[in-house]
PDB file of all heavy atoms in Angstrom:
ATOM      1  N   THR A   1      91.003   1.187  23.957  1.00  0.00           N
ATOM      2  CA  THR A   1      90.730   2.184  24.960  1.00  0.00           C
ATOM      3  C   THR A   1      90.896   1.566  26.376  1.00  0.00           C
ATOM      4  O   THR A   1      90.653   0.315  26.602  1.00  0.00           O
ATOM      5  CB  THR A   1      89.259   2.687  24.890  1.00  0.00           C
ATOM      6  OG1 THR A   1      88.327   1.594  24.882  1.00  0.00           O
ATOM      7  CG2 THR A   1      89.086   3.535  23.641  1.00  0.00           C
ATOM      8  N   GLU A   2      91.349   2.334  27.318  1.00  0.00           N
ATOM      9  CA  GLU A   2      91.508   1.940  28.677  1.00  0.00           C
ATOM     10  C   GLU A   2      90.350   2.460  29.472  1.00  0.00           C
ATOM     11  O   GLU A   2      89.679   3.439  29.144  1.00  0.00           O
ATOM     12  CB  GLU A   2      92.826   2.523  29.265  1.00  0.00           C
ATOM     13  CG  GLU A   2      94.094   1.935  28.622  1.00  0.00           C
ATOM     14  CD  GLU A   2      95.296   2.594  29.151  1.00  0.00           C
ATOM     15  OE1 GLU A   2      95.219   3.580  29.870  1.00  0.00           O
ATOM     16  OE2 GLU A   2      96.423   2.048  28.854  1.00  0.00           O
ATOM     17  N   SER A   3      90.162   1.786  30.616  1.00  0.00           N
ATOM     18  CA  SER A   3      89.102   2.270  31.615  1.00  0.00           C
ATOM     19  C   SER A   3      87.678   2.216  31.029  1.00  0.00           C
ATOM     20  O   SER A   3      86.817   3.013  31.441  1.00  0.00           O
ATOM     21  CB  SER A   3      89.447   3.668  32.086  1.00  0.00           C
ATOM     22  OG  SER A   3      90.747   3.757  32.620  1.00  0.00           O
ATOM     23  N   MET A   4      87.464   1.274  30.103  1.00  0.00           N
ATOM     24  CA  MET A   4      86.102   1.206  29.565  1.00  0.00           C
ATOM     25  C   MET A   4      85.223   0.484  30.602  1.00  0.00           C
ATOM     26  O   MET A   4      85.588  -0.625  31.060  1.00  0.00           O
ATOM     27  CB  MET A   4      86.129   0.437  28.225  1.00  0.00           C
ATOM     28  CG  MET A   4      86.727   1.230  27.080  1.00  0.00           C
ATOM     29  SD  MET A   4      85.729   2.580  26.569  1.00  0.00           S
ATOM     30  CE  MET A   4      84.579   1.701  25.507  1.00  0.00           C
ATOM     31  N   PRO A   5      84.041   1.006  30.892  1.00  0.00           N
ATOM     32  CA  PRO A   5      83.175   0.269  31.825  1.00  0.00           C
ATOM     33  C   PRO A   5      82.655  -1.079  31.282  1.00  0.00           C
ATOM     34  O   PRO A   5      82.761  -1.302  30.078  1.00  0.00           O
ATOM     35  CB  PRO A   5      81.969   1.280  31.919  1.00  0.00           C
ATOM     36  CG  PRO A   5      82.507   2.566  31.485  1.00  0.00           C
ATOM     37  CD  PRO A   5      83.543   2.272  30.449  1.00  0.00           C
ATOM     38  N   GLU A   6      82.249  -1.933  32.129  1.00  0.00           N
ATOM     39  CA  GLU A   6      81.723  -3.209  31.758  1.00  0.00           C
ATOM     40  C   GLU A   6      80.400  -3.002  30.889  1.00  0.00           C
ATOM     41  O   GLU A   6      79.730  -2.036  31.023  1.00  0.00           O
ATOM     42  CB  GLU A   6      81.370  -4.109  32.908  1.00  0.00           C
ATOM     43  CG  GLU A   6      82.587  -4.495  33.758  1.00  0.00           C
ATOM     44  CD  GLU A   6      83.486  -5.430  32.989  1.00  0.00           C
ATOM     45  OE1 GLU A   6      82.969  -6.209  32.203  1.00  0.00           O
ATOM     46  OE2 GLU A   6      84.699  -5.428  33.239  1.00  0.00           O
ATOM     47  N   GLY A   7      80.188  -3.983  30.012  1.00  0.00           N
ATOM     48  CA  GLY A   7      78.901  -4.002  29.266  1.00  0.00           C
ATOM     49  C   GLY A   7      78.946  -3.180  28.019  1.00  0.00           C
ATOM     50  O   GLY A   7      77.860  -2.766  27.590  1.00  0.00           O
ATOM     51  N   HIS A   8      80.108  -2.974  27.415  1.00  0.00           N
ATOM     52  CA  HIS A   8      80.104  -2.125  26.169  1.00  0.00           C
ATOM     53  C   HIS A   8      80.198  -3.007  24.923  1.00  0.00           C
ATOM     54  O   HIS A   8      80.407  -2.445  23.861  1.00  0.00           O
ATOM     55  CB  HIS A   8      81.248  -1.154  26.251  1.00  0.00           C
ATOM     56  CG  HIS A   8      82.575  -1.775  26.035  1.00  0.00           C
ATOM     57  ND1 HIS A   8      83.242  -2.485  27.028  1.00  0.00           N
ATOM     58  CD2 HIS A   8      83.469  -1.769  24.991  1.00  0.00           C
ATOM     59  CE1 HIS A   8      84.430  -2.883  26.587  1.00  0.00           C
ATOM     60  NE2 HIS A   8      84.608  -2.464  25.337  1.00  0.00           N
ATOM     61  N   LEU A   9      80.022  -4.309  25.059  1.00  0.00           N
ATOM     62  CA  LEU A   9      79.963  -5.145  23.839  1.00  0.00           C
ATOM     63  C   LEU A   9      78.812  -4.867  23.048  1.00  0.00           C
ATOM     64  O   LEU A   9      77.728  -4.501  23.506  1.00  0.00           O
ATOM     65  CB  LEU A   9      79.989  -6.701  24.268  1.00  0.00           C
ATOM     66  CG  LEU A   9      81.326  -7.198  24.689  1.00  0.00           C
ATOM     67  CD1 LEU A   9      81.178  -8.650  25.154  1.00  0.00           C
ATOM     68  CD2 LEU A   9      82.342  -7.108  23.696  1.00  0.00           C
ATOM     69  N   MET A  10      78.969  -4.968  21.686  1.00  0.00           N
ATOM     70  CA  MET A  10      77.872  -4.729  20.788  1.00  0.00           C
ATOM     71  C   MET A  10      78.141  -5.593  19.561  1.00  0.00           C
ATOM     72  O   MET A  10      78.973  -6.422  19.567  1.00  0.00           O
ATOM     73  CB  MET A  10      77.860  -3.217  20.435  1.00  0.00           C
ATOM     74  CG  MET A  10      79.168  -2.707  19.905  1.00  0.00           C
ATOM     75  SD  MET A  10      79.245  -0.961  19.693  1.00  0.00           S
ATOM     76  CE  MET A  10      80.923  -0.744  19.147  1.00  0.00           C
ATOM     77  N   GLY A  11      77.459  -5.294  18.482  1.00  0.00           N
ATOM     78  CA  GLY A  11      77.644  -6.034  17.244  1.00  0.00           C
ATOM     79  C   GLY A  11      76.582  -5.788  16.226  1.00  0.00           C
ATOM     80  O   GLY A  11      75.803  -4.855  16.285  1.00  0.00           O
ATOM     81  N   VAL A  12      76.593  -6.607  15.194  1.00  0.00           N
ATOM     82  CA  VAL A  12      75.643  -6.619  14.113  1.00  0.00           C
ATOM     83  C   VAL A  12      74.675  -7.783  14.247  1.00  0.00           C
ATOM     84  O   VAL A  12      75.118  -8.899  14.483  1.00  0.00           O
ATOM     85  CB  VAL A  12      76.312  -6.661  12.699  1.00  0.00           C
ATOM     86  CG1 VAL A  12      75.274  -6.793  11.584  1.00  0.00           C
ATOM     87  CG2 VAL A  12      77.152  -5.436  12.526  1.00  0.00           C
ATOM     88  N   ALA A  13      73.381  -7.515  14.146  1.00  0.00           N
ATOM     89  CA  ALA A  13      72.380  -8.577  14.347  1.00  0.00           C
ATOM     90  C   ALA A  13      71.468  -8.608  13.149  1.00  0.00           C
ATOM     91  O   ALA A  13      71.254  -7.636  12.482  1.00  0.00           O
ATOM     92  CB  ALA A  13      71.600  -8.348  15.643  1.00  0.00           C
ATOM     93  N   LEU A  14      70.861  -9.770  12.932  1.00  0.00           N
ATOM     94  CA  LEU A  14      69.761  -9.961  12.019  1.00  0.00           C
ATOM     95  C   LEU A  14      68.464  -9.673  12.769  1.00  0.00           C
ATOM     96  O   LEU A  14      68.138 -10.392  13.724  1.00  0.00           O
ATOM     97  CB  LEU A  14      69.752 -11.308  11.382  1.00  0.00           C
ATOM     98  CG  LEU A  14      68.625 -11.673  10.434  1.00  0.00           C
ATOM     99  CD1 LEU A  14      68.756 -10.830   9.126  1.00  0.00           C
ATOM    100  CD2 LEU A  14      68.587 -13.165  10.094  1.00  0.00           C
ATOM    101  N   ALA A  15      67.709  -8.685  12.299  1.00  0.00           N
ATOM    102  CA  ALA A  15      66.409  -8.358  12.908  1.00  0.00           C
ATOM    103  C   ALA A  15      65.276  -8.810  11.962  1.00  0.00           C
ATOM    104  O   ALA A  15      65.403  -8.643  10.714  1.00  0.00           O
ATOM    105  CB  ALA A  15      66.392  -6.852  13.179  1.00  0.00           C
ATOM    106  N   TYR A  16      64.248  -9.309  12.617  1.00  0.00           N
ATOM    107  CA  TYR A  16      63.065  -9.777  11.794  1.00  0.00           C
ATOM    108  C   TYR A  16      61.876  -9.807  12.692  1.00  0.00           C
ATOM    109  O   TYR A  16      61.962  -9.725  13.962  1.00  0.00           O
ATOM    110  CB  TYR A  16      63.333 -11.166  11.170  1.00  0.00           C
ATOM    111  CG  TYR A  16      63.680 -12.198  12.228  1.00  0.00           C
ATOM    112  CD1 TYR A  16      62.739 -13.044  12.829  1.00  0.00           C
ATOM    113  CD2 TYR A  16      64.986 -12.380  12.620  1.00  0.00           C
ATOM    114  CE1 TYR A  16      63.123 -14.072  13.737  1.00  0.00           C
ATOM    115  CE2 TYR A  16      65.418 -13.295  13.586  1.00  0.00           C
ATOM    116  CZ  TYR A  16      64.421 -14.159  14.143  1.00  0.00           C
ATOM    117  OH  TYR A  16      64.832 -15.047  15.060  1.00  0.00           O
ATOM    118  N   SER A  17      60.675  -9.874  12.131  1.00  0.00           N
ATOM    119  CA  SER A  17      59.443  -9.860  12.864  1.00  0.00           C
ATOM    120  C   SER A  17      59.406 -11.207  13.693  1.00  0.00           C
ATOM    121  O   SER A  17      59.639 -12.276  13.239  1.00  0.00           O
ATOM    122  CB  SER A  17      58.247  -9.786  11.965  1.00  0.00           C
ATOM    123  OG  SER A  17      57.064  -9.961  12.691  1.00  0.00           O
ATOM    124  N   SER A  18      58.943 -11.035  14.944  1.00  0.00           N
ATOM    125  CA  SER A  18      58.808 -12.224  15.804  1.00  0.00           C
ATOM    126  C   SER A  18      57.432 -12.914  15.574  1.00  0.00           C
ATOM    127  O   SER A  18      57.201 -13.967  16.181  1.00  0.00           O
ATOM    128  CB  SER A  18      58.941 -11.830  17.254  1.00  0.00           C
ATOM    129  OG  SER A  18      57.930 -10.849  17.592  1.00  0.00           O
ATOM    130  N   GLU A  19      56.618 -12.335  14.760  1.00  0.00           N
ATOM    131  CA  GLU A  19      55.289 -12.859  14.441  1.00  0.00           C
ATOM    132  C   GLU A  19      55.127 -13.019  12.921  1.00  0.00           C
ATOM    133  O   GLU A  19      55.493 -12.161  12.210  1.00  0.00           O
ATOM    134  CB  GLU A  19      54.161 -12.037  15.017  1.00  0.00           C
ATOM    135  CG  GLU A  19      54.266 -11.838  16.479  1.00  0.00           C
ATOM    136  CD  GLU A  19      53.155 -10.933  17.026  1.00  0.00           C
ATOM    137  OE1 GLU A  19      52.464 -10.300  16.212  1.00  0.00           O
ATOM    138  OE2 GLU A  19      53.012 -10.773  18.257  1.00  0.00           O
ATOM    139  N   SER A  20      54.515 -14.122  12.485  1.00  0.00           N
ATOM    140  CA  SER A  20      54.248 -14.369  11.084  1.00  0.00           C
ATOM    141  C   SER A  20      55.488 -14.197  10.217  1.00  0.00           C
ATOM    142  O   SER A  20      55.463 -13.468   9.199  1.00  0.00           O
ATOM    143  CB  SER A  20      53.113 -13.429  10.590  1.00  0.00           C
ATOM    144  OG  SER A  20      51.965 -13.540  11.352  1.00  0.00           O
ATOM    145  N   THR A  21      56.633 -14.796  10.624  1.00  0.00           N
ATOM    146  CA  THR A  21      57.849 -14.603   9.917  1.00  0.00           C
ATOM    147  C   THR A  21      57.818 -15.474   8.612  1.00  0.00           C
ATOM    148  O   THR A  21      57.567 -16.637   8.721  1.00  0.00           O
ATOM    149  CB  THR A  21      59.060 -15.070  10.776  1.00  0.00           C
ATOM    150  OG1 THR A  21      58.921 -14.430  12.086  1.00  0.00           O
ATOM    151  CG2 THR A  21      60.337 -14.722  10.104  1.00  0.00           C
ATOM    152  N   PRO A  22      58.099 -14.826   7.429  1.00  0.00           N
ATOM    153  CA  PRO A  22      58.142 -15.663   6.216  1.00  0.00           C
ATOM    154  C   PRO A  22      59.183 -16.799   6.321  1.00  0.00           C
ATOM    155  O   PRO A  22      60.287 -16.623   6.944  1.00  0.00           O
ATOM    156  CB  PRO A  22      58.549 -14.650   5.154  1.00  0.00           C
ATOM    157  CG  PRO A  22      58.175 -13.351   5.713  1.00  0.00           C
ATOM    158  CD  PRO A  22      58.306 -13.405   7.184  1.00  0.00           C
ATOM    159  N   ILE A  23      58.906 -17.922   5.741  1.00  0.00           N
ATOM    160  CA  ILE A  23      59.796 -19.052   5.830  1.00  0.00           C
ATOM    161  C   ILE A  23      61.146 -18.734   5.199  1.00  0.00           C
ATOM    162  O   ILE A  23      62.187 -19.166   5.726  1.00  0.00           O
ATOM    163  CB  ILE A  23      59.176 -20.293   5.149  1.00  0.00           C
ATOM    164  CG1 ILE A  23      57.891 -20.750   5.854  1.00  0.00           C
ATOM    165  CG2 ILE A  23      60.204 -21.422   5.079  1.00  0.00           C
ATOM    166  CD1 ILE A  23      57.255 -21.960   5.193  1.00  0.00           C
ATOM    167  N   ALA A  24      61.178 -17.868   4.150  1.00  0.00           N
ATOM    168  CA  ALA A  24      62.447 -17.550   3.512  1.00  0.00           C
ATOM    169  C   ALA A  24      63.358 -16.809   4.504  1.00  0.00           C
ATOM    170  O   ALA A  24      64.534 -17.003   4.482  1.00  0.00           O
ATOM    171  CB  ALA A  24      62.192 -16.682   2.269  1.00  0.00           C
ATOM    172  N   VAL A  25      62.730 -15.970   5.365  1.00  0.00           N
ATOM    173  CA  VAL A  25      63.494 -15.234   6.366  1.00  0.00           C
ATOM    174  C   VAL A  25      64.027 -16.197   7.414  1.00  0.00           C
ATOM    175  O   VAL A  25      65.175 -16.034   7.886  1.00  0.00           O
ATOM    176  CB  VAL A  25      62.647 -14.098   7.020  1.00  0.00           C
ATOM    177  CG1 VAL A  25      63.379 -13.464   8.201  1.00  0.00           C
ATOM    178  CG2 VAL A  25      62.295 -13.047   5.980  1.00  0.00           C
ATOM    179  N   LEU A  26      63.279 -17.200   7.756  1.00  0.00           N
ATOM    180  CA  LEU A  26      63.750 -18.212   8.700  1.00  0.00           C
ATOM    181  C   LEU A  26      64.946 -18.932   8.085  1.00  0.00           C
ATOM    182  O   LEU A  26      65.873 -19.305   8.805  1.00  0.00           O
ATOM    183  CB  LEU A  26      62.626 -19.134   9.059  1.00  0.00           C
ATOM    184  CG  LEU A  26      61.448 -18.537   9.797  1.00  0.00           C
ATOM    185  CD1 LEU A  26      60.385 -19.610  10.101  1.00  0.00           C
ATOM    186  CD2 LEU A  26      61.837 -17.902  11.082  1.00  0.00           C
ATOM    187  N   ARG A  27      64.917 -19.167   6.836  1.00  0.00           N
ATOM    188  CA  ARG A  27      66.063 -19.810   6.195  1.00  0.00           C
ATOM    189  C   ARG A  27      67.310 -18.998   6.273  1.00  0.00           C
ATOM    190  O   ARG A  27      68.404 -19.399   6.457  1.00  0.00           O
ATOM    191  CB  ARG A  27      65.718 -20.137   4.685  1.00  0.00           C
ATOM    192  CG  ARG A  27      64.563 -21.151   4.561  1.00  0.00           C
ATOM    193  CD  ARG A  27      65.019 -22.585   5.083  1.00  0.00           C
ATOM    194  NE  ARG A  27      63.915 -23.515   5.140  1.00  0.00           N
ATOM    195  CZ  ARG A  27      63.224 -23.803   6.246  1.00  0.00           C
ATOM    196  NH1 ARG A  27      63.521 -23.161   7.400  1.00  0.00           N
ATOM    197  NH2 ARG A  27      62.264 -24.648   6.192  1.00  0.00           N
ATOM    198  N   LEU A  28      67.106 -17.632   6.054  1.00  0.00           N
ATOM    199  CA  LEU A  28      68.239 -16.684   6.181  1.00  0.00           C
ATOM    200  C   LEU A  28      68.743 -16.720   7.627  1.00  0.00           C
ATOM    201  O   LEU A  28      69.967 -16.722   7.812  1.00  0.00           O
ATOM    202  CB  LEU A  28      67.775 -15.273   5.822  1.00  0.00           C
ATOM    203  CG  LEU A  28      68.811 -14.138   5.887  1.00  0.00           C
ATOM    204  CD1 LEU A  28      70.010 -14.415   4.959  1.00  0.00           C
ATOM    205  CD2 LEU A  28      68.187 -12.826   5.602  1.00  0.00           C
ATOM    206  N   ARG A  29      67.852 -16.687   8.535  1.00  0.00           N
ATOM    207  CA  ARG A  29      68.271 -16.801   9.952  1.00  0.00           C
ATOM    208  C   ARG A  29      69.059 -18.084  10.235  1.00  0.00           C
ATOM    209  O   ARG A  29      70.106 -18.061  10.952  1.00  0.00           O
ATOM    210  CB  ARG A  29      67.061 -16.723  10.848  1.00  0.00           C
ATOM    211  CG  ARG A  29      67.368 -16.722  12.364  1.00  0.00           C
ATOM    212  CD  ARG A  29      66.115 -17.160  13.165  1.00  0.00           C
ATOM    213  NE  ARG A  29      65.837 -18.590  12.861  1.00  0.00           N
ATOM    214  CZ  ARG A  29      64.795 -19.165  13.387  1.00  0.00           C
ATOM    215  NH1 ARG A  29      63.908 -18.506  14.138  1.00  0.00           N
ATOM    216  NH2 ARG A  29      64.500 -20.425  13.125  1.00  0.00           N
ATOM    217  N   ASP A  30      68.587 -19.163   9.696  1.00  0.00           N
ATOM    218  CA  ASP A  30      69.284 -20.481   9.939  1.00  0.00           C
ATOM    219  C   ASP A  30      70.690 -20.448   9.357  1.00  0.00           C
ATOM    220  O   ASP A  30      71.635 -20.905  10.012  1.00  0.00           O
ATOM    221  CB  ASP A  30      68.475 -21.584   9.350  1.00  0.00           C
ATOM    222  CG  ASP A  30      67.127 -21.849  10.020  1.00  0.00           C
ATOM    223  OD1 ASP A  30      67.010 -21.314  11.167  1.00  0.00           O
ATOM    224  OD2 ASP A  30      66.274 -22.462   9.425  1.00  0.00           O
ATOM    225  N   VAL A  31      70.822 -19.909   8.149  1.00  0.00           N
ATOM    226  CA  VAL A  31      72.156 -19.866   7.509  1.00  0.00           C
ATOM    227  C   VAL A  31      73.106 -18.924   8.356  1.00  0.00           C
ATOM    228  O   VAL A  31      74.213 -19.199   8.535  1.00  0.00           O
ATOM    229  CB  VAL A  31      72.040 -19.340   6.061  1.00  0.00           C
ATOM    230  CG1 VAL A  31      73.470 -19.051   5.489  1.00  0.00           C
ATOM    231  CG2 VAL A  31      71.362 -20.401   5.212  1.00  0.00           C
ATOM    232  N   ALA A  32      72.503 -17.783   8.783  1.00  0.00           N
ATOM    233  CA  ALA A  32      73.277 -16.847   9.540  1.00  0.00           C
ATOM    234  C   ALA A  32      73.763 -17.448  10.911  1.00  0.00           C
ATOM    235  O   ALA A  32      74.914 -17.326  11.299  1.00  0.00           O
ATOM    236  CB  ALA A  32      72.489 -15.549   9.804  1.00  0.00           C
ATOM    237  N   ALA A  33      72.822 -18.138  11.550  1.00  0.00           N
ATOM    238  CA  ALA A  33      73.169 -18.763  12.816  1.00  0.00           C
ATOM    239  C   ALA A  33      74.257 -19.814  12.663  1.00  0.00           C
ATOM    240  O   ALA A  33      75.142 -19.968  13.512  1.00  0.00           O
ATOM    241  CB  ALA A  33      71.874 -19.394  13.459  1.00  0.00           C
ATOM    242  N   THR A  34      74.175 -20.604  11.570  1.00  0.00           N
ATOM    243  CA  THR A  34      75.196 -21.640  11.237  1.00  0.00           C
ATOM    244  C   THR A  34      76.521 -20.980  10.913  1.00  0.00           C
ATOM    245  O   THR A  34      77.601 -21.510  11.326  1.00  0.00           O
ATOM    246  CB  THR A  34      74.740 -22.575  10.157  1.00  0.00           C
ATOM    247  OG1 THR A  34      73.462 -23.126  10.501  1.00  0.00           O
ATOM    248  CG2 THR A  34      75.745 -23.649   9.852  1.00  0.00           C
ATOM    249  N   LYS A  35      76.392 -19.907  10.157  1.00  0.00           N
ATOM    250  CA  LYS A  35      77.633 -19.307   9.666  1.00  0.00           C
ATOM    251  C   LYS A  35      78.445 -18.626  10.793  1.00  0.00           C
ATOM    252  O   LYS A  35      79.639 -18.732  10.821  1.00  0.00           O
ATOM    253  CB  LYS A  35      77.271 -18.115   8.660  1.00  0.00           C
ATOM    254  CG  LYS A  35      78.459 -17.419   7.986  1.00  0.00           C
ATOM    255  CD  LYS A  35      79.169 -18.335   7.019  1.00  0.00           C
ATOM    256  CE  LYS A  35      80.315 -17.581   6.343  1.00  0.00           C
ATOM    257  NZ  LYS A  35      81.115 -18.441   5.495  1.00  0.00           N
ATOM    258  N   TYR A  36      77.727 -18.067  11.742  1.00  0.00           N
ATOM    259  CA  TYR A  36      78.406 -17.307  12.841  1.00  0.00           C
ATOM    260  C   TYR A  36      78.453 -18.051  14.152  1.00  0.00           C
ATOM    261  O   TYR A  36      79.321 -17.747  14.933  1.00  0.00           O
ATOM    262  CB  TYR A  36      77.789 -15.922  12.944  1.00  0.00           C
ATOM    263  CG  TYR A  36      78.010 -15.054  11.733  1.00  0.00           C
ATOM    264  CD1 TYR A  36      77.138 -15.012  10.701  1.00  0.00           C
ATOM    265  CD2 TYR A  36      79.169 -14.292  11.688  1.00  0.00           C
ATOM    266  CE1 TYR A  36      77.389 -14.207   9.627  1.00  0.00           C
ATOM    267  CE2 TYR A  36      79.457 -13.524  10.559  1.00  0.00           C
ATOM    268  CZ  TYR A  36      78.552 -13.475   9.552  1.00  0.00           C
ATOM    269  OH  TYR A  36      78.802 -12.715   8.437  1.00  0.00           O
ATOM    270  N   ALA A  37      77.396 -18.856  14.422  1.00  0.00           N
ATOM    271  CA  ALA A  37      77.331 -19.602  15.709  1.00  0.00           C
ATOM    272  C   ALA A  37      77.544 -18.612  16.862  1.00  0.00           C
ATOM    273  O   ALA A  37      78.374 -18.865  17.743  1.00  0.00           O
ATOM    274  CB  ALA A  37      78.329 -20.721  15.693  1.00  0.00           C
ATOM    275  N   ARG A  38      76.847 -17.478  16.884  1.00  0.00           N
ATOM    276  CA  ARG A  38      77.066 -16.443  17.842  1.00  0.00           C
ATOM    277  C   ARG A  38      76.050 -16.590  18.969  1.00  0.00           C
ATOM    278  O   ARG A  38      75.219 -17.504  19.017  1.00  0.00           O
ATOM    279  CB  ARG A  38      76.922 -15.040  17.172  1.00  0.00           C
ATOM    280  CG  ARG A  38      78.009 -14.811  16.192  1.00  0.00           C
ATOM    281  CD  ARG A  38      79.320 -14.610  16.749  1.00  0.00           C
ATOM    282  NE  ARG A  38      80.368 -14.297  15.732  1.00  0.00           N
ATOM    283  CZ  ARG A  38      81.580 -13.971  16.027  1.00  0.00           C
ATOM    284  NH1 ARG A  38      82.021 -13.990  17.258  1.00  0.00           N
ATOM    285  NH2 ARG A  38      82.455 -13.624  15.072  1.00  0.00           N
ATOM    286  N   VAL A  39      76.053 -15.628  19.824  1.00  0.00           N
ATOM    287  CA  VAL A  39      75.176 -15.589  20.992  1.00  0.00           C
ATOM    288  C   VAL A  39      73.741 -15.396  20.508  1.00  0.00           C
ATOM    289  O   VAL A  39      73.489 -14.622  19.614  1.00  0.00           O
ATOM    290  CB  VAL A  39      75.583 -14.426  21.984  1.00  0.00           C
ATOM    291  CG1 VAL A  39      74.607 -14.363  23.137  1.00  0.00           C
ATOM    292  CG2 VAL A  39      77.016 -14.650  22.437  1.00  0.00           C
ATOM    293  N   ASP A  40      72.768 -16.151  21.089  1.00  0.00           N
ATOM    294  CA  ASP A  40      71.395 -15.971  20.687  1.00  0.00           C
ATOM    295  C   ASP A  40      70.900 -14.720  21.386  1.00  0.00           C
ATOM    296  O   ASP A  40      70.877 -14.616  22.586  1.00  0.00           O
ATOM    297  CB  ASP A  40      70.612 -17.209  21.185  1.00  0.00           C
ATOM    298  CG  ASP A  40      69.169 -17.148  20.668  1.00  0.00           C
ATOM    299  OD1 ASP A  40      68.778 -16.121  20.088  1.00  0.00           O
ATOM    300  OD2 ASP A  40      68.450 -18.159  20.795  1.00  0.00           O
ATOM    301  N   ALA A  41      70.414 -13.754  20.558  1.00  0.00           N
ATOM    302  CA  ALA A  41      69.910 -12.515  21.154  1.00  0.00           C
ATOM    303  C   ALA A  41      68.545 -12.138  20.632  1.00  0.00           C
ATOM    304  O   ALA A  41      68.223 -11.101  20.231  1.00  0.00           O
ATOM    305  CB  ALA A  41      70.904 -11.329  20.718  1.00  0.00           C
ATOM    306  N   ARG A  42      67.672 -13.167  20.604  1.00  0.00           N
ATOM    307  CA  ARG A  42      66.366 -13.040  20.072  1.00  0.00           C
ATOM    308  C   ARG A  42      65.425 -12.194  20.967  1.00  0.00           C
ATOM    309  O   ARG A  42      64.360 -11.822  20.530  1.00  0.00           O
ATOM    310  CB  ARG A  42      65.753 -14.360  19.744  1.00  0.00           C
ATOM    311  CG  ARG A  42      66.477 -15.123  18.701  1.00  0.00           C
ATOM    312  CD  ARG A  42      65.854 -16.522  18.499  1.00  0.00           C
ATOM    313  NE  ARG A  42      66.759 -17.350  17.751  1.00  0.00           N
ATOM    314  CZ  ARG A  42      66.546 -18.679  17.491  1.00  0.00           C
ATOM    315  NH1 ARG A  42      65.440 -19.195  17.942  1.00  0.00           N
ATOM    316  NH2 ARG A  42      67.410 -19.365  16.808  1.00  0.00           N
TER     317      ARG A  42
END
């Protein structure tokens, strides 16, 4: 598309609770962060 305004970037993110996060979910987050090495959007 042409003439797209700034700030239209988006994507797929891993969402999880910021409190009392199960360790297994943190392991999934770690693998995902290593796999993609993307922008931190916590």
